[in-house]
Structure formats: structure tokens, C-alpha cells
Amino acid sequence: MANSPEERTGSCLCGSVTYTATGAFSEVLQCHCENCRRLSGNFIAATRSLTDNLQIDDSNEAFRWHELDYAKYGFCRDCGSTMFYRAADRPQITAIMVGGLNDAAGLTLGSVWFSEEAQPHNVVPDGVPLHIGNG
């Protein structure tokens, strides 16, 4: 996690679900695994925050979790935007999809996971740590 305290806000596409996250954020990671590709239609880019530092405002009751054995995905029922990811073995950390942030200024790409699965049209950047799988 980054060392400087911050606050970031974001929402789904239709605005039914908004959120505020405070505290330290990780560098952005890209994940090119099959699950992330199918979830997003390409690959995901996410930063991570402590789950306790995330406040979700869902006045329309549109927010849902889709739970699998290994993780759960937070999304808006109304527009379908995927907003969050939590690994089952690390529920204290929530990955926040960077595309939903109102302002991603200052976040930098820190690593690429499942780089070997990147689609041919995605150029994996030079100078960024690449990981085979998620390790």
C-alpha cells in the first residue's frame, strides 16, 4: 500500500452506486487472467485499499456481490458496472476498479499479472514487473 493518506471517490456508470475510499492505495495492477478478461471484456486495472476504508453509498439498493469460491465481485445491478473485487483469502483488502474512480491522478502502474495471457491487441508496458500467474 502507498504511504500517503488519500481520499478517492467513484461510481458505477449510471451513478446508482457511489463510494468513497480513504487511506493508502496500492499502485495500479493490471490483470489479464481469463476471469478478469471475461468480467471486463478486456483486462482489469485496479488499485487496492483496506476494506474498512471503503464506504459504499447505495441509496437505490442497486449494489450486489457476486460470490464465487475464490472471490467476490461487487457490481451495480442497474447498469452492470463491476466496481470491486475481494479475494476470499484476503477479505481485508478490496480491489477498486480504476475506471470507476472520479479521479485517478497520481496512481501509477505497478505490475501486470497473468502477463502471459494478455491478448495480442494489449501491449504489456516495458519497465513494469510482469508476473506469470498471480505470483
C-alpha atoms as a PDB file:
ATOM      1  CA  MET A   1       0.000   0.000   0.000  1.00  0.00           C
ATOM      2  CA  ALA A   2       1.095   3.564  -0.602  1.00  0.00           C
ATOM      3  CA  ASN A   3       2.257   5.589   2.390  1.00  0.00           C
ATOM      4  CA  SER A   4       0.361   8.847   1.863  1.00  0.00           C
ATOM      5  CA  PRO A   5      -3.226   9.136   3.097  1.00  0.00           C
ATOM      6  CA  GLU A   6      -5.719   9.958   0.379  1.00  0.00           C
ATOM      7  CA  GLU A   7      -9.420  10.054  -0.376  1.00  0.00           C
ATOM      8  CA  ARG A   8     -10.914   8.926  -3.648  1.00  0.00           C
ATOM      9  CA  THR A   9     -14.498   8.774  -4.833  1.00  0.00           C
ATOM     10  CA  GLY A  10     -16.122   6.875  -7.641  1.00  0.00           C
ATOM     11  CA  SER A  11     -19.301   5.396  -9.018  1.00  0.00           C
ATOM     12  CA  CYS A  12     -20.829   2.938 -11.400  1.00  0.00           C
ATOM     13  CA  LEU A  13     -21.814   4.007 -14.923  1.00  0.00           C
ATOM     14  CA  CYS A  14     -25.383   5.020 -14.046  1.00  0.00           C
ATOM     15  CA  GLY A  15     -24.487   6.650 -10.708  1.00  0.00           C
ATOM     16  CA  SER A  16     -26.795   4.450  -8.612  1.00  0.00           C
ATOM     17  CA  VAL A  17     -23.830   3.269  -6.539  1.00  0.00           C
ATOM     18  CA  THR A  18     -21.176   5.683  -5.334  1.00  0.00           C
ATOM     19  CA  TYR A  19     -18.278   5.164  -2.964  1.00  0.00           C
ATOM     20  CA  THR A  20     -15.568   6.888  -1.006  1.00  0.00           C
ATOM     21  CA  ALA A  21     -12.291   5.196  -0.155  1.00  0.00           C
ATOM     22  CA  THR A  22      -9.798   6.726   2.244  1.00  0.00           C
ATOM     23  CA  GLY A  23      -6.300   5.848   3.342  1.00  0.00           C
ATOM     24  CA  ALA A  24      -3.439   4.373   1.414  1.00  0.00           C
ATOM     25  CA  PHE A  25      -3.900   2.898  -2.070  1.00  0.00           C
ATOM     26  CA  SER A  26      -1.678   0.427  -3.874  1.00  0.00           C
ATOM     27  CA  GLU A  27      -0.130   1.059  -7.238  1.00  0.00           C
ATOM     28  CA  VAL A  28      -2.386   0.029 -10.092  1.00  0.00           C
ATOM     29  CA  LEU A  29      -2.192  -3.558 -11.194  1.00  0.00           C
ATOM     30  CA  GLN A  30      -3.375  -4.951 -14.472  1.00  0.00           C
ATOM     31  CA  CYS A  31      -4.703  -8.490 -14.569  1.00  0.00           C
ATOM     32  CA  HIS A  32      -5.022 -10.361 -17.852  1.00  0.00           C
ATOM     33  CA  CYS A  33      -6.312 -13.679 -16.455  1.00  0.00           C
ATOM     34  CA  GLU A  34      -9.261 -15.329 -18.163  1.00  0.00           C
ATOM     35  CA  ASN A  35     -11.675 -14.453 -15.340  1.00  0.00           C
ATOM     36  CA  CYS A  36     -10.771 -10.750 -15.433  1.00  0.00           C
ATOM     37  CA  ARG A  37     -10.945 -10.687 -19.227  1.00  0.00           C
ATOM     38  CA  ARG A  38     -14.408 -12.234 -19.228  1.00  0.00           C
ATOM     39  CA  LEU A  39     -15.557  -9.985 -16.388  1.00  0.00           C
ATOM     40  CA  SER A  40     -14.435  -6.747 -18.025  1.00  0.00           C
ATOM     41  CA  GLY A  41     -14.338  -7.558 -21.707  1.00  0.00           C
ATOM     42  CA  ASN A  42     -10.579  -6.920 -21.875  1.00  0.00           C
ATOM     43  CA  PHE A  43      -8.415  -6.795 -18.723  1.00  0.00           C
ATOM     44  CA  ILE A  44      -8.845  -5.096 -15.384  1.00  0.00           C
ATOM     45  CA  ALA A  45      -6.866  -2.241 -13.898  1.00  0.00           C
ATOM     46  CA  ALA A  46      -7.325  -1.887 -10.163  1.00  0.00           C
ATOM     47  CA  THR A  47      -5.878  -0.253  -7.103  1.00  0.00           C
ATOM     48  CA  ARG A  48      -6.298  -1.763  -3.643  1.00  0.00           C
ATOM     49  CA  SER A  49      -7.468  -0.300  -0.364  1.00  0.00           C
ATOM     50  CA  LEU A  50      -8.288  -1.641   3.069  1.00  0.00           C
ATOM     51  CA  THR A  51     -11.871  -2.890   3.098  1.00  0.00           C
ATOM     52  CA  ASP A  52     -12.566  -0.951   6.303  1.00  0.00           C
ATOM     53  CA  ASN A  53     -11.646   2.271   4.444  1.00  0.00           C
ATOM     54  CA  LEU A  54     -14.329   1.783   1.773  1.00  0.00           C
ATOM     55  CA  GLN A  55     -17.758   3.360   2.217  1.00  0.00           C
ATOM     56  CA  ILE A  56     -20.391   2.338  -0.348  1.00  0.00           C
ATOM     57  CA  ASP A  57     -23.454   4.568  -0.807  1.00  0.00           C
ATOM     58  CA  ASP A  58     -26.275   2.528  -2.264  1.00  0.00           C
ATOM     59  CA  SER A  59     -29.441   4.542  -1.705  1.00  0.00           C
ATOM     60  CA  ASN A  60     -31.141   2.787  -4.666  1.00  0.00           C
ATOM     61  CA  GLU A  61     -30.229  -0.675  -3.347  1.00  0.00           C
ATOM     62  CA  ALA A  62     -28.532  -1.477  -6.641  1.00  0.00           C
ATOM     63  CA  PHE A  63     -25.220  -2.812  -5.266  1.00  0.00           C
ATOM     64  CA  ARG A  64     -24.686  -6.561  -5.319  1.00  0.00           C
ATOM     65  CA  TRP A  65     -21.888  -9.028  -4.612  1.00  0.00           C
ATOM     66  CA  HIS A  66     -21.417 -11.997  -6.932  1.00  0.00           C
ATOM     67  CA  GLU A  67     -19.692 -14.625  -4.808  1.00  0.00           C
ATOM     68  CA  LEU A  68     -17.538 -17.484  -6.064  1.00  0.00           C
ATOM     69  CA  ASP A  69     -15.421 -19.917  -4.052  1.00  0.00           C
ATOM     70  CA  TYR A  70     -12.235 -17.898  -4.513  1.00  0.00           C
ATOM     71  CA  ALA A  71     -13.538 -14.303  -4.591  1.00  0.00           C
ATOM     72  CA  LYS A  72     -16.469 -11.971  -4.826  1.00  0.00           C
ATOM     73  CA  TYR A  73     -17.144  -9.185  -7.302  1.00  0.00           C
ATOM     74  CA  GLY A  74     -19.068  -6.024  -6.397  1.00  0.00           C
ATOM     75  CA  PHE A  75     -21.246  -4.590  -9.145  1.00  0.00           C
ATOM     76  CA  CYS A  76     -24.248  -2.389  -9.880  1.00  0.00           C
ATOM     77  CA  ARG A  77     -27.427  -4.303 -10.622  1.00  0.00           C
ATOM     78  CA  ASP A  78     -28.817  -1.410 -12.671  1.00  0.00           C
ATOM     79  CA  CYS A  79     -26.006  -0.797 -15.173  1.00  0.00           C
ATOM     80  CA  GLY A  80     -23.760  -3.834 -14.718  1.00  0.00           C
ATOM     81  CA  SER A  81     -20.590  -1.926 -13.806  1.00  0.00           C
ATOM     82  CA  THR A  82     -18.040  -4.075 -11.999  1.00  0.00           C
ATOM     83  CA  MET A  83     -16.634  -1.936  -9.227  1.00  0.00           C
ATOM     84  CA  PHE A  84     -14.779  -4.137  -6.721  1.00  0.00           C
ATOM     85  CA  TYR A  85     -13.043  -7.466  -6.204  1.00  0.00           C
ATOM     86  CA  ARG A  86     -12.256  -9.251  -2.919  1.00  0.00           C
ATOM     87  CA  ALA A  87     -10.221 -12.430  -2.731  1.00  0.00           C
ATOM     88  CA  ALA A  88     -11.767 -14.996  -0.360  1.00  0.00           C
ATOM     89  CA  ASP A  89      -8.462 -15.442   1.453  1.00  0.00           C
ATOM     90  CA  ARG A  90      -7.881 -11.665   1.874  1.00  0.00           C
ATOM     91  CA  PRO A  91     -11.237 -10.044   2.719  1.00  0.00           C
ATOM     92  CA  GLN A  92      -9.459  -7.175   4.485  1.00  0.00           C
ATOM     93  CA  ILE A  93      -8.315  -5.835   1.079  1.00  0.00           C
ATOM     94  CA  THR A  94     -10.682  -4.599  -1.649  1.00  0.00           C
ATOM     95  CA  ALA A  95      -9.542  -4.064  -5.223  1.00  0.00           C
ATOM     96  CA  ILE A  96     -11.178  -0.958  -6.700  1.00  0.00           C
ATOM     97  CA  MET A  97     -11.552  -0.818 -10.470  1.00  0.00           C
ATOM     98  CA  VAL A  98      -9.652   2.276 -11.618  1.00  0.00           C
ATOM     99  CA  GLY A  99     -12.137   3.056 -14.391  1.00  0.00           C
ATOM    100  CA  GLY A 100     -14.824   3.854 -11.818  1.00  0.00           C
ATOM    101  CA  LEU A 101     -12.746   6.426  -9.934  1.00  0.00           C
ATOM    102  CA  ASN A 102     -13.711  10.053 -10.398  1.00  0.00           C
ATOM    103  CA  ASP A 103     -10.024  10.973 -10.340  1.00  0.00           C
ATOM    104  CA  ALA A 104      -7.156   8.505 -10.694  1.00  0.00           C
ATOM    105  CA  ALA A 105      -4.449  11.181 -10.682  1.00  0.00           C
ATOM    106  CA  GLY A 106      -1.245  10.092  -9.012  1.00  0.00           C
ATOM    107  CA  LEU A 107      -1.870   6.369  -9.355  1.00  0.00           C
ATOM    108  CA  THR A 108       0.819   4.617 -11.358  1.00  0.00           C
ATOM    109  CA  LEU A 109       1.019   1.171 -12.914  1.00  0.00           C
ATOM    110  CA  GLY A 110       2.976  -1.081 -10.576  1.00  0.00           C
ATOM    111  CA  SER A 111       2.646  -4.568 -12.057  1.00  0.00           C
ATOM    112  CA  VAL A 112       0.963  -6.792 -14.613  1.00  0.00           C
ATOM    113  CA  TRP A 113      -0.432 -10.157 -13.545  1.00  0.00           C
ATOM    114  CA  PHE A 114      -1.051 -13.091 -15.862  1.00  0.00           C
ATOM    115  CA  SER A 115       1.024 -11.242 -18.447  1.00  0.00           C
ATOM    116  CA  GLU A 116       1.371 -14.452 -20.443  1.00  0.00           C
ATOM    117  CA  GLU A 117      -2.394 -14.400 -21.026  1.00  0.00           C
ATOM    118  CA  ALA A 118      -2.543 -10.844 -22.384  1.00  0.00           C
ATOM    119  CA  GLN A 119      -4.489 -10.683 -25.648  1.00  0.00           C
ATOM    120  CA  PRO A 120      -2.463  -9.808 -28.765  1.00  0.00           C
ATOM    121  CA  HIS A 121      -4.014  -6.320 -29.009  1.00  0.00           C
ATOM    122  CA  ASN A 122      -2.863  -5.408 -25.467  1.00  0.00           C
ATOM    123  CA  VAL A 123       0.690  -4.146 -25.269  1.00  0.00           C
ATOM    124  CA  VAL A 124       2.241  -5.049 -21.940  1.00  0.00           C
ATOM    125  CA  PRO A 125       4.298  -1.994 -20.900  1.00  0.00           C
ATOM    126  CA  ASP A 126       8.083  -2.102 -20.685  1.00  0.00           C
ATOM    127  CA  GLY A 127       9.723  -1.489 -17.340  1.00  0.00           C
ATOM    128  CA  VAL A 128       6.822  -2.765 -15.234  1.00  0.00           C
ATOM    129  CA  PRO A 129       7.145  -6.012 -13.252  1.00  0.00           C
ATOM    130  CA  LEU A 130       5.399  -8.856 -15.069  1.00  0.00           C
ATOM    131  CA  HIS A 131       4.050 -11.874 -13.243  1.00  0.00           C
ATOM    132  CA  ILE A 132       3.280 -15.274 -14.675  1.00  0.00           C
ATOM    133  CA  GLY A 133       0.014 -16.099 -12.981  1.00  0.00           C
ATOM    134  CA  ASN A 134      -0.730 -14.117  -9.833  1.00  0.00           C
ATOM    135  CA  GLY A 135       2.527 -14.824  -8.037  1.00  0.00           C
END
